[in-house]
C-alpha atoms as a PDB file:
ATOM      1  CA  MET A   1      23.983 -17.202  21.802  1.00  0.00           C
ATOM      2  CA  SER A   2      23.176 -20.010  19.380  1.00  0.00           C
ATOM      3  CA  TYR A   3      20.947 -19.958  16.297  1.00  0.00           C
ATOM      4  CA  SER A   4      18.959 -22.695  14.593  1.00  0.00           C
ATOM      5  CA  ARG A   5      19.804 -23.674  11.023  1.00  0.00           C
ATOM      6  CA  ALA A   6      16.622 -21.908   9.830  1.00  0.00           C
ATOM      7  CA  ALA A   7      17.559 -18.725  11.686  1.00  0.00           C
ATOM      8  CA  LEU A   8      21.095 -18.759  10.291  1.00  0.00           C
ATOM      9  CA  SER A   9      19.723 -19.266   6.778  1.00  0.00           C
ATOM     10  CA  ALA A  10      17.377 -16.321   7.237  1.00  0.00           C
ATOM     11  CA  ILE A  11      20.182 -14.097   8.543  1.00  0.00           C
ATOM     12  CA  PHE A  12      22.421 -15.073   5.630  1.00  0.00           C
ATOM     13  CA  ALA A  13      19.637 -14.407   3.128  1.00  0.00           C
ATOM     14  CA  MET A  14      18.892 -10.978   4.591  1.00  0.00           C
ATOM     15  CA  THR A  15      22.595 -10.105   4.640  1.00  0.00           C
ATOM     16  CA  SER A  16      22.924 -11.066   0.982  1.00  0.00           C
ATOM     17  CA  LEU A  17      19.844  -9.087   0.008  1.00  0.00           C
ATOM     18  CA  THR A  18      20.986  -6.050   1.977  1.00  0.00           C
ATOM     19  CA  ALA A  19      24.174  -5.986  -0.068  1.00  0.00           C
ATOM     20  CA  LEU A  20      22.090  -5.818  -3.241  1.00  0.00           C
ATOM     21  CA  ALA A  21      20.183  -2.779  -1.981  1.00  0.00           C
ATOM     22  CA  ALA A  22      23.290  -0.598  -2.124  1.00  0.00           C
ATOM     23  CA  ASP A  23      23.687  -1.134  -5.866  1.00  0.00           C
ATOM     24  CA  TYR A  24      21.135   1.486  -6.964  1.00  0.00           C
ATOM     25  CA  PRO A  25      21.300   5.305  -6.615  1.00  0.00           C
ATOM     26  CA  ALA A  26      20.131   6.926  -3.395  1.00  0.00           C
ATOM     27  CA  PRO A  27      16.369   7.637  -3.377  1.00  0.00           C
ATOM     28  CA  LYS A  28      15.257  11.274  -3.557  1.00  0.00           C
ATOM     29  CA  GLN A  29      12.147  12.662  -1.862  1.00  0.00           C
ATOM     30  CA  GLY A  30       9.657  15.138  -3.266  1.00  0.00           C
ATOM     31  CA  ASP A  31       6.256  16.691  -2.624  1.00  0.00           C
ATOM     32  CA  TRP A  32       3.719  18.152  -5.014  1.00  0.00           C
ATOM     33  CA  ILE A  33       0.368  19.831  -4.358  1.00  0.00           C
ATOM     34  CA  ALA A  34      -2.602  18.951  -6.548  1.00  0.00           C
ATOM     35  CA  THR A  35      -4.898  21.966  -6.404  1.00  0.00           C
ATOM     36  CA  ASP A  36      -8.707  21.662  -6.387  1.00  0.00           C
ATOM     37  CA  PHE A  37      -8.592  17.875  -6.357  1.00  0.00           C
ATOM     38  CA  LYS A  38     -12.048  16.464  -7.049  1.00  0.00           C
ATOM     39  CA  PHE A  39     -13.053  13.089  -5.590  1.00  0.00           C
ATOM     40  CA  HIS A  40     -15.511  10.637  -7.124  1.00  0.00           C
ATOM     41  CA  THR A  41     -18.126  11.784  -4.598  1.00  0.00           C
ATOM     42  CA  GLY A  42     -17.939  15.359  -5.892  1.00  0.00           C
ATOM     43  CA  ALA A  43     -16.074  16.558  -2.798  1.00  0.00           C
ATOM     44  CA  THR A  44     -13.089  18.792  -3.497  1.00  0.00           C
ATOM     45  CA  MET A  45      -9.909  19.502  -1.560  1.00  0.00           C
ATOM     46  CA  PRO A  46      -8.253  22.843  -2.354  1.00  0.00           C
ATOM     47  CA  GLU A  47      -4.815  21.297  -1.809  1.00  0.00           C
ATOM     48  CA  LEU A  48      -3.966  17.601  -1.891  1.00  0.00           C
ATOM     49  CA  ARG A  49      -0.374  16.809  -0.906  1.00  0.00           C
ATOM     50  CA  LEU A  50       1.302  14.006  -2.835  1.00  0.00           C
ATOM     51  CA  HIS A  51       4.635  12.727  -1.581  1.00  0.00           C
ATOM     52  CA  TYR A  52       6.852  10.655  -3.852  1.00  0.00           C
ATOM     53  CA  THR A  53      10.252   9.014  -4.067  1.00  0.00           C
ATOM     54  CA  THR A  54      12.412   8.853  -7.189  1.00  0.00           C
ATOM     55  CA  ILE A  55      15.444   6.763  -8.068  1.00  0.00           C
ATOM     56  CA  GLY A  56      17.610   7.603 -11.051  1.00  0.00           C
ATOM     57  CA  GLU A  57      17.571  10.694 -13.258  1.00  0.00           C
ATOM     58  CA  PRO A  58      14.606  12.296 -15.088  1.00  0.00           C
ATOM     59  CA  THR A  59      16.407  11.640 -18.365  1.00  0.00           C
ATOM     60  CA  GLY A  60      15.803   7.903 -17.938  1.00  0.00           C
ATOM     61  CA  GLN A  61      12.737   6.034 -19.151  1.00  0.00           C
ATOM     62  CA  PRO A  62       9.999   6.700 -16.558  1.00  0.00           C
ATOM     63  CA  VAL A  63       8.629   3.766 -14.563  1.00  0.00           C
ATOM     64  CA  LEU A  64       5.774   4.115 -12.064  1.00  0.00           C
ATOM     65  CA  VAL A  65       5.935   1.755  -9.050  1.00  0.00           C
ATOM     66  CA  LEU A  66       2.831   1.443  -6.835  1.00  0.00           C
ATOM     67  CA  HIS A  67       2.766   0.086  -3.272  1.00  0.00           C
ATOM     68  CA  GLY A  68       0.178  -2.010  -1.445  1.00  0.00           C
ATOM     69  CA  SER A  69      -2.468  -1.299   1.212  1.00  0.00           C
ATOM     70  CA  GLY A  70      -1.154   0.493   4.273  1.00  0.00           C
ATOM     71  CA  GLY A  71       2.298   0.905   2.742  1.00  0.00           C
ATOM     72  CA  SER A  72       4.237   3.747   1.175  1.00  0.00           C
ATOM     73  CA  ALA A  73       7.137   4.220  -1.211  1.00  0.00           C
ATOM     74  CA  ALA A  74       9.413   3.025   1.586  1.00  0.00           C
ATOM     75  CA  SER A  75       7.735  -0.397   1.531  1.00  0.00           C
ATOM     76  CA  MET A  76       8.959  -0.868  -2.063  1.00  0.00           C
ATOM     77  CA  LEU A  77      12.567  -0.045  -1.187  1.00  0.00           C
ATOM     78  CA  THR A  78      13.296  -3.420   0.363  1.00  0.00           C
ATOM     79  CA  PRO A  79      16.256  -5.616  -0.531  1.00  0.00           C
ATOM     80  CA  ALA A  80      13.874  -8.236  -1.915  1.00  0.00           C
ATOM     81  CA  PHE A  81      12.217  -5.759  -4.315  1.00  0.00           C
ATOM     82  CA  ALA A  82      14.348  -2.690  -5.026  1.00  0.00           C
ATOM     83  CA  GLY A  83      17.524  -4.662  -4.377  1.00  0.00           C
ATOM     84  CA  GLU A  84      16.560  -7.126  -7.090  1.00  0.00           C
ATOM     85  CA  LEU A  85      15.301  -4.613  -9.667  1.00  0.00           C
ATOM     86  CA  PHE A  86      16.969  -1.195  -9.537  1.00  0.00           C
ATOM     87  CA  GLY A  87      20.670  -2.034  -9.426  1.00  0.00           C
ATOM     88  CA  ALA A  88      23.204  -2.068 -12.251  1.00  0.00           C
ATOM     89  CA  GLY A  89      22.312  -4.708 -14.837  1.00  0.00           C
ATOM     90  CA  GLN A  90      19.022  -5.534 -13.138  1.00  0.00           C
ATOM     91  CA  PRO A  91      15.620  -5.397 -14.926  1.00  0.00           C
ATOM     92  CA  LEU A  92      14.861  -1.777 -13.937  1.00  0.00           C
ATOM     93  CA  ASP A  93      18.449  -0.515 -13.802  1.00  0.00           C
ATOM     94  CA  ALA A  94      18.178   3.011 -12.375  1.00  0.00           C
ATOM     95  CA  SER A  95      20.964   4.207 -14.652  1.00  0.00           C
ATOM     96  CA  LYS A  96      18.529   3.659 -17.543  1.00  0.00           C
ATOM     97  CA  TYR A  97      15.130   4.105 -15.896  1.00  0.00           C
ATOM     98  CA  TYR A  98      13.608   6.914 -13.837  1.00  0.00           C
ATOM     99  CA  ILE A  99      11.795   5.150 -10.995  1.00  0.00           C
ATOM    100  CA  ILE A 100       8.833   7.032  -9.477  1.00  0.00           C
ATOM    101  CA  ILE A 101       7.165   5.650  -6.337  1.00  0.00           C
ATOM    102  CA  PRO A 102       4.293   7.787  -4.979  1.00  0.00           C
ATOM    103  CA  ASP A 103       2.873   7.510  -1.492  1.00  0.00           C
ATOM    104  CA  GLY A 104      -0.742   6.709  -2.371  1.00  0.00           C
ATOM    105  CA  LEU A 105      -3.550   9.025  -1.346  1.00  0.00           C
ATOM    106  CA  GLY A 106      -4.257   8.225   2.311  1.00  0.00           C
ATOM    107  CA  HIS A 107      -0.820   6.676   2.817  1.00  0.00           C
ATOM    108  CA  GLY A 108       2.699   7.617   3.863  1.00  0.00           C
ATOM    109  CA  ARG A 109       3.393  11.342   3.674  1.00  0.00           C
ATOM    110  CA  SER A 110       0.621  12.107   1.194  1.00  0.00           C
ATOM    111  CA  SER A 111      -2.628  13.703   2.415  1.00  0.00           C
ATOM    112  CA  LYS A 112      -4.623  11.355   4.657  1.00  0.00           C
ATOM    113  CA  PRO A 113      -7.401  11.427   7.267  1.00  0.00           C
ATOM    114  CA  SER A 114      -5.043  11.347  10.239  1.00  0.00           C
ATOM    115  CA  ASP A 115      -3.528  14.693   9.179  1.00  0.00           C
ATOM    116  CA  ALA A 116      -6.401  16.164  11.261  1.00  0.00           C
ATOM    117  CA  MET A 117      -9.595  15.685   9.251  1.00  0.00           C
ATOM    118  CA  LYS A 118     -10.397  12.133  10.425  1.00  0.00           C
ATOM    119  CA  THR A 119     -13.974  11.288   9.337  1.00  0.00           C
ATOM    120  CA  ALA A 120     -14.281  14.654   7.582  1.00  0.00           C
ATOM    121  CA  PHE A 121     -11.688  13.523   5.038  1.00  0.00           C
ATOM    122  CA  PRO A 122     -13.416  12.961   1.666  1.00  0.00           C
ATOM    123  CA  LYS A 123     -14.373   9.368   0.948  1.00  0.00           C
ATOM    124  CA  TYR A 124     -11.929   8.031  -1.625  1.00  0.00           C
ATOM    125  CA  ASP A 125     -11.601   4.923  -3.735  1.00  0.00           C
ATOM    126  CA  TYR A 126      -9.153   3.370  -6.191  1.00  0.00           C
ATOM    127  CA  ASP A 127     -10.171   5.741  -8.960  1.00  0.00           C
ATOM    128  CA  ASP A 128      -9.350   8.728  -6.755  1.00  0.00           C
ATOM    129  CA  MET A 129      -5.988   7.237  -5.829  1.00  0.00           C
ATOM    130  CA  VAL A 130      -5.116   6.591  -9.470  1.00  0.00           C
ATOM    131  CA  GLY A 131      -6.394  10.032 -10.460  1.00  0.00           C
ATOM    132  CA  ALA A 132      -4.003  11.575  -7.944  1.00  0.00           C
ATOM    133  CA  GLN A 133      -1.126   9.494  -9.295  1.00  0.00           C
ATOM    134  CA  TYR A 134      -1.977  10.564 -12.841  1.00  0.00           C
ATOM    135  CA  ARG A 135      -1.967  14.254 -11.908  1.00  0.00           C
ATOM    136  CA  LEU A 136       1.378  13.834 -10.157  1.00  0.00           C
ATOM    137  CA  ILE A 137       2.896  12.214 -13.237  1.00  0.00           C
ATOM    138  CA  LYS A 138       1.394  14.592 -15.805  1.00  0.00           C
ATOM    139  CA  GLU A 139       1.237  17.911 -13.974  1.00  0.00           C
ATOM    140  CA  GLY A 140       3.715  17.508 -11.153  1.00  0.00           C
ATOM    141  CA  LEU A 141       6.532  15.772 -13.018  1.00  0.00           C
ATOM    142  CA  GLY A 142       5.622  16.741 -16.590  1.00  0.00           C
ATOM    143  CA  ILE A 143       5.862  13.164 -17.876  1.00  0.00           C
ATOM    144  CA  LYS A 144       3.852  12.457 -21.021  1.00  0.00           C
ATOM    145  CA  HIS A 145       4.391   8.707 -21.305  1.00  0.00           C
ATOM    146  CA  LEU A 146       5.500   5.877 -19.008  1.00  0.00           C
ATOM    147  CA  ARG A 147       7.571   2.914 -20.031  1.00  0.00           C
ATOM    148  CA  LEU A 148       5.963   0.764 -17.356  1.00  0.00           C
ATOM    149  CA  VAL A 149       3.409   0.789 -14.525  1.00  0.00           C
ATOM    150  CA  ILE A 150       4.115  -1.923 -11.952  1.00  0.00           C
ATOM    151  CA  GLY A 151       2.292  -2.420  -8.650  1.00  0.00           C
ATOM    152  CA  ASN A 152       1.851  -4.931  -5.851  1.00  0.00           C
ATOM    153  CA  SER A 153      -1.444  -5.942  -4.184  1.00  0.00           C
ATOM    154  CA  MET A 154      -3.415  -2.674  -3.946  1.00  0.00           C
ATOM    155  CA  GLY A 155      -0.775  -1.198  -6.251  1.00  0.00           C
ATOM    156  CA  GLY A 156      -1.508  -4.051  -8.646  1.00  0.00           C
ATOM    157  CA  MET A 157      -5.179  -3.068  -8.673  1.00  0.00           C
ATOM    158  CA  HIS A 158      -4.104   0.497  -9.369  1.00  0.00           C
ATOM    159  CA  ALA A 159      -2.091  -0.803 -12.314  1.00  0.00           C
ATOM    160  CA  TRP A 160      -5.232  -2.467 -13.717  1.00  0.00           C
ATOM    161  CA  ILE A 161      -7.102   0.840 -13.407  1.00  0.00           C
ATOM    162  CA  TRP A 162      -4.260   2.715 -15.092  1.00  0.00           C
ATOM    163  CA  GLY A 163      -4.691   0.345 -18.019  1.00  0.00           C
ATOM    164  CA  VAL A 164      -8.439   0.980 -18.185  1.00  0.00           C
ATOM    165  CA  ARG A 165      -8.400   4.744 -17.660  1.00  0.00           C
ATOM    166  CA  TYR A 166      -5.173   5.699 -19.414  1.00  0.00           C
ATOM    167  CA  PRO A 167      -4.381   2.903 -21.906  1.00  0.00           C
ATOM    168  CA  GLN A 168      -2.205   5.167 -24.085  1.00  0.00           C
ATOM    169  CA  MET A 169      -0.154   6.379 -21.117  1.00  0.00           C
ATOM    170  CA  MET A 170       2.186   3.384 -20.785  1.00  0.00           C
ATOM    171  CA  ASP A 171       3.912   0.703 -22.841  1.00  0.00           C
ATOM    172  CA  ALA A 172       3.361  -2.101 -20.339  1.00  0.00           C
ATOM    173  CA  LEU A 173       1.518  -3.019 -17.127  1.00  0.00           C
ATOM    174  CA  VAL A 174       2.686  -5.437 -14.429  1.00  0.00           C
ATOM    175  CA  PRO A 175      -0.060  -5.957 -11.800  1.00  0.00           C
ATOM    176  CA  MET A 176       1.349  -8.245  -9.089  1.00  0.00           C
ATOM    177  CA  ALA A 177      -0.596 -10.192  -6.435  1.00  0.00           C
ATOM    178  CA  SER A 178      -3.905  -8.835  -7.736  1.00  0.00           C
ATOM    179  CA  GLN A 179      -6.826  -9.763  -9.935  1.00  0.00           C
ATOM    180  CA  PRO A 180      -9.487  -7.442 -11.399  1.00  0.00           C
ATOM    181  CA  THR A 181     -12.306  -9.220  -9.591  1.00  0.00           C
ATOM    182  CA  GLU A 182     -14.739  -8.389  -6.820  1.00  0.00           C
ATOM    183  CA  MET A 183     -13.447  -8.839  -3.294  1.00  0.00           C
ATOM    184  CA  ALA A 184     -15.391 -11.690  -1.734  1.00  0.00           C
ATOM    185  CA  ALA A 185     -15.150 -14.832   0.382  1.00  0.00           C
ATOM    186  CA  ARG A 186     -12.499 -14.903   3.126  1.00  0.00           C
ATOM    187  CA  ASN A 187     -10.582 -12.009   1.555  1.00  0.00           C
ATOM    188  CA  TRP A 188     -13.493  -9.660   2.267  1.00  0.00           C
ATOM    189  CA  MET A 189     -14.699 -11.438   5.413  1.00  0.00           C
ATOM    190  CA  LEU A 190     -11.365 -10.911   7.168  1.00  0.00           C
ATOM    191  CA  ARG A 191     -11.374  -7.215   6.315  1.00  0.00           C
ATOM    192  CA  ARG A 192     -14.991  -6.850   7.431  1.00  0.00           C
ATOM    193  CA  MET A 193     -14.201  -8.442  10.782  1.00  0.00           C
ATOM    194  CA  MET A 194     -11.162  -6.210  11.190  1.00  0.00           C
ATOM    195  CA  ILE A 195     -13.236  -3.098  10.516  1.00  0.00           C
ATOM    196  CA  GLU A 196     -16.065  -4.200  12.834  1.00  0.00           C
ATOM    197  CA  THR A 197     -13.622  -4.971  15.645  1.00  0.00           C
ATOM    198  CA  ILE A 198     -12.317  -1.402  15.510  1.00  0.00           C
ATOM    199  CA  ARG A 199     -15.695   0.263  14.949  1.00  0.00           C
ATOM    200  CA  ASN A 200     -17.188  -1.505  17.965  1.00  0.00           C
ATOM    201  CA  ASP A 201     -14.369  -0.496  20.307  1.00  0.00           C
ATOM    202  CA  PRO A 202     -15.751   2.213  22.658  1.00  0.00           C
ATOM    203  CA  ASP A 203     -12.478   4.092  22.193  1.00  0.00           C
ATOM    204  CA  TYR A 204     -13.285   4.586  18.490  1.00  0.00           C
ATOM    205  CA  LYS A 205     -16.113   7.079  19.222  1.00  0.00           C
ATOM    206  CA  ASP A 206     -17.465   7.013  15.652  1.00  0.00           C
ATOM    207  CA  GLY A 207     -14.066   8.050  14.336  1.00  0.00           C
ATOM    208  CA  ASN A 208     -13.622  10.966  16.729  1.00  0.00           C
ATOM    209  CA  TYR A 209     -11.135   9.154  18.935  1.00  0.00           C
ATOM    210  CA  THR A 210      -8.454  11.048  20.865  1.00  0.00           C
ATOM    211  CA  THR A 211      -6.217   8.010  21.435  1.00  0.00           C
ATOM    212  CA  GLN A 212      -5.771   4.944  19.272  1.00  0.00           C
ATOM    213  CA  PRO A 213      -8.568   2.400  19.959  1.00  0.00           C
ATOM    214  CA  ARG A 214      -7.204  -0.396  22.122  1.00  0.00           C
ATOM    215  CA  MET A 215      -8.647  -3.145  19.940  1.00  0.00           C
ATOM    216  CA  MET A 216      -6.793  -1.922  16.880  1.00  0.00           C
ATOM    217  CA  LYS A 217      -3.599  -3.867  17.557  1.00  0.00           C
ATOM    218  CA  TYR A 218      -5.589  -7.063  18.081  1.00  0.00           C
ATOM    219  CA  ALA A 219      -7.538  -6.549  14.853  1.00  0.00           C
ATOM    220  CA  ILE A 220      -4.336  -5.928  12.889  1.00  0.00           C
ATOM    221  CA  SER A 221      -2.528  -8.894  14.412  1.00  0.00           C
ATOM    222  CA  ALA A 222      -5.432 -11.264  13.779  1.00  0.00           C
ATOM    223  CA  TYR A 223      -5.670 -10.132  10.165  1.00  0.00           C
ATOM    224  CA  GLN A 224      -1.935 -10.480   9.578  1.00  0.00           C
ATOM    225  CA  ILE A 225      -1.799 -13.985  11.048  1.00  0.00           C
ATOM    226  CA  ALA A 226      -4.861 -15.087   9.079  1.00  0.00           C
ATOM    227  CA  SER A 227      -3.783 -13.631   5.737  1.00  0.00           C
ATOM    228  CA  GLY A 228       0.002 -14.043   5.613  1.00  0.00           C
ATOM    229  CA  GLY A 229       2.717 -16.506   6.494  1.00  0.00           C
ATOM    230  CA  GLY A 230       0.980 -19.724   5.475  1.00  0.00           C
ATOM    231  CA  THR A 231       0.021 -22.741   7.562  1.00  0.00           C
ATOM    232  CA  LEU A 232       3.238 -24.614   6.863  1.00  0.00           C
ATOM    233  CA  GLY A 233       5.305 -21.485   7.439  1.00  0.00           C
ATOM    234  CA  TYR A 234       3.812 -20.961  10.890  1.00  0.00           C
ATOM    235  CA  GLN A 235       4.219 -24.663  11.676  1.00  0.00           C
ATOM    236  CA  THR A 236       7.948 -24.216  11.042  1.00  0.00           C
ATOM    237  CA  LEU A 237       8.168 -21.012  13.089  1.00  0.00           C
ATOM    238  CA  ALA A 238       5.970 -22.193  15.963  1.00  0.00           C
ATOM    239  CA  PRO A 239       5.888 -26.002  16.226  1.00  0.00           C
ATOM    240  CA  THR A 240       4.889 -25.855  19.931  1.00  0.00           C
ATOM    241  CA  ALA A 241       2.228 -23.972  21.878  1.00  0.00           C
ATOM    242  CA  ALA A 242       4.926 -22.088  23.760  1.00  0.00           C
ATOM    243  CA  ALA A 243       6.569 -20.963  20.520  1.00  0.00           C
ATOM    244  CA  ALA A 244       3.195 -19.906  19.109  1.00  0.00           C
ATOM    245  CA  ASP A 245       2.420 -17.919  22.275  1.00  0.00           C
ATOM    246  CA  LYS A 246       5.771 -16.157  21.993  1.00  0.00           C
ATOM    247  CA  LEU A 247       5.037 -15.169  18.371  1.00  0.00           C
ATOM    248  CA  VAL A 248       1.682 -13.722  19.444  1.00  0.00           C
ATOM    249  CA  ASP A 249       3.199 -11.914  22.430  1.00  0.00           C
ATOM    250  CA  ASP A 250       5.978 -10.455  20.274  1.00  0.00           C
ATOM    251  CA  ARG A 251       3.477  -9.286  17.665  1.00  0.00           C
ATOM    252  CA  LEU A 252       1.217  -7.636  20.244  1.00  0.00           C
ATOM    253  CA  ALA A 253       4.227  -5.924  21.817  1.00  0.00           C
ATOM    254  CA  MET A 254       5.085  -4.188  18.554  1.00  0.00           C
ATOM    255  CA  PRO A 255       3.920  -0.559  18.188  1.00  0.00           C
ATOM    256  CA  VAL A 256       0.994   0.131  15.869  1.00  0.00           C
ATOM    257  CA  ASN A 257       2.276   2.597  13.291  1.00  0.00           C
ATOM    258  CA  ILE A 258      -0.846   2.984  11.146  1.00  0.00           C
ATOM    259  CA  ARG A 259      -3.538   5.462  12.134  1.00  0.00           C
ATOM    260  CA  CYS A 260      -6.938   3.942  12.803  1.00  0.00           C
ATOM    261  CA  GLN A 261      -8.835   6.161  10.395  1.00  0.00           C
ATOM    262  CA  ARG A 262      -6.382   5.439   7.561  1.00  0.00           C
ATOM    263  CA  LEU A 263      -6.635   1.724   8.268  1.00  0.00           C
ATOM    264  CA  HIS A 264     -10.412   1.995   8.164  1.00  0.00           C
ATOM    265  CA  LEU A 265     -10.230   3.669   4.782  1.00  0.00           C
ATOM    266  CA  SER A 266      -7.636   1.354   3.301  1.00  0.00           C
ATOM    267  CA  MET A 267      -9.122  -2.018   4.282  1.00  0.00           C
ATOM    268  CA  GLY A 268     -12.513  -2.032   2.584  1.00  0.00           C
ATOM    269  CA  SER A 269     -14.045  -2.003  -0.854  1.00  0.00           C
ATOM    270  CA  LEU A 270     -16.006   1.038  -1.986  1.00  0.00           C
ATOM    271  CA  ALA A 271     -19.497  -0.407  -2.212  1.00  0.00           C
ATOM    272  CA  ARG A 272     -19.294  -2.304   1.072  1.00  0.00           C
ATOM    273  CA  LEU A 273     -17.644   0.453   3.090  1.00  0.00           C
ATOM    274  CA  GLN A 274     -20.027   3.141   1.910  1.00  0.00           C
ATOM    275  CA  SER A 275     -22.685   1.288   3.896  1.00  0.00           C
ATOM    276  CA  LEU A 276     -20.305   1.289   6.883  1.00  0.00           C
ATOM    277  CA  HIS A 277     -19.691   5.054   6.610  1.00  0.00           C
ATOM    278  CA  GLY A 278     -16.155   4.406   5.375  1.00  0.00           C
ATOM    279  CA  SER A 279     -14.580   4.520   1.965  1.00  0.00           C
ATOM    280  CA  GLY A 280     -12.736   2.100  -0.281  1.00  0.00           C
ATOM    281  CA  ALA A 281      -9.090   1.699  -1.039  1.00  0.00           C
ATOM    282  CA  ASP A 282      -8.814  -1.991  -1.741  1.00  0.00           C
ATOM    283  CA  ARG A 283      -9.811  -4.500  -4.362  1.00  0.00           C
ATOM    284  CA  GLY A 284     -13.585  -4.693  -4.187  1.00  0.00           C
ATOM    285  CA  HIS A 285     -15.119  -2.265  -6.661  1.00  0.00           C
ATOM    286  CA  VAL A 286     -12.677  -2.550  -9.516  1.00  0.00           C
ATOM    287  CA  ALA A 287     -14.360  -5.340 -11.443  1.00  0.00           C
ATOM    288  CA  GLY A 288     -17.632  -3.437 -11.479  1.00  0.00           C
ATOM    289  CA  ASP A 289     -15.873  -0.329 -12.711  1.00  0.00           C
ATOM    290  CA  GLN A 290     -14.259  -2.269 -15.518  1.00  0.00           C
ATOM    291  CA  ARG A 291     -17.560  -3.840 -16.549  1.00  0.00           C
ATOM    292  CA  ARG A 292     -19.180  -0.400 -16.685  1.00  0.00           C
ATOM    293  CA  ARG A 293     -16.356   0.840 -18.879  1.00  0.00           C
END
């Protein structure tokens, strides 16, 4: 088997990054139950499960790390992120810092619609997600002050909200790949089309589906191709029609690991999705919230 120069470079880069990942302490898993959790709508859940991952010891300076839409703590434990930050001598050296990475409300192993409630799950937004994180930190882990809150994409928007709601709770904020502005233009249009594709699939049955809607994998793939990778990047990966077809075929052959209802909740902004009988967990409503505050 032979590899192109680009493929060999990618393999070498991944091998190098994988070596970095072993430099930090093994992650530990935990769960905490927030009792009588009240959502912004007024709905209450008697028990809201919050799963989290920690790296380092509780005696270290606490750092809150927040993942992006559709992800979980595991998505932040990549060689390119954790492998560059948490190792010995790195910026967030886990021998000095206590790294806390929650699975956001509606994500990972925290409470989410696909646990059984589906459309009966309370409508939630960024404020609810941050409120759950705050309760985990304060009540669940007994932490009074954070050295840093750092988040990526949706996690970056959560970091902005942490700064607005709890400005005395941390020394510093690092919102990455996010801006505190209304979701609009192609950013919202792509999400709207993704949601409508799923909602209009007969298999969806107004959220009461028994099997994953067939159109879901096509909606996800179209969104991923449109929003990530870059035109020049795809030109390098697929310079011919045959190569492009193979990329599409490979993507469609991959299993869909995100539940439809959770995807529906995590893709839209609060104001827009309320009119679609969904709920928000992405960038849209944050700017309005900040203006009101």
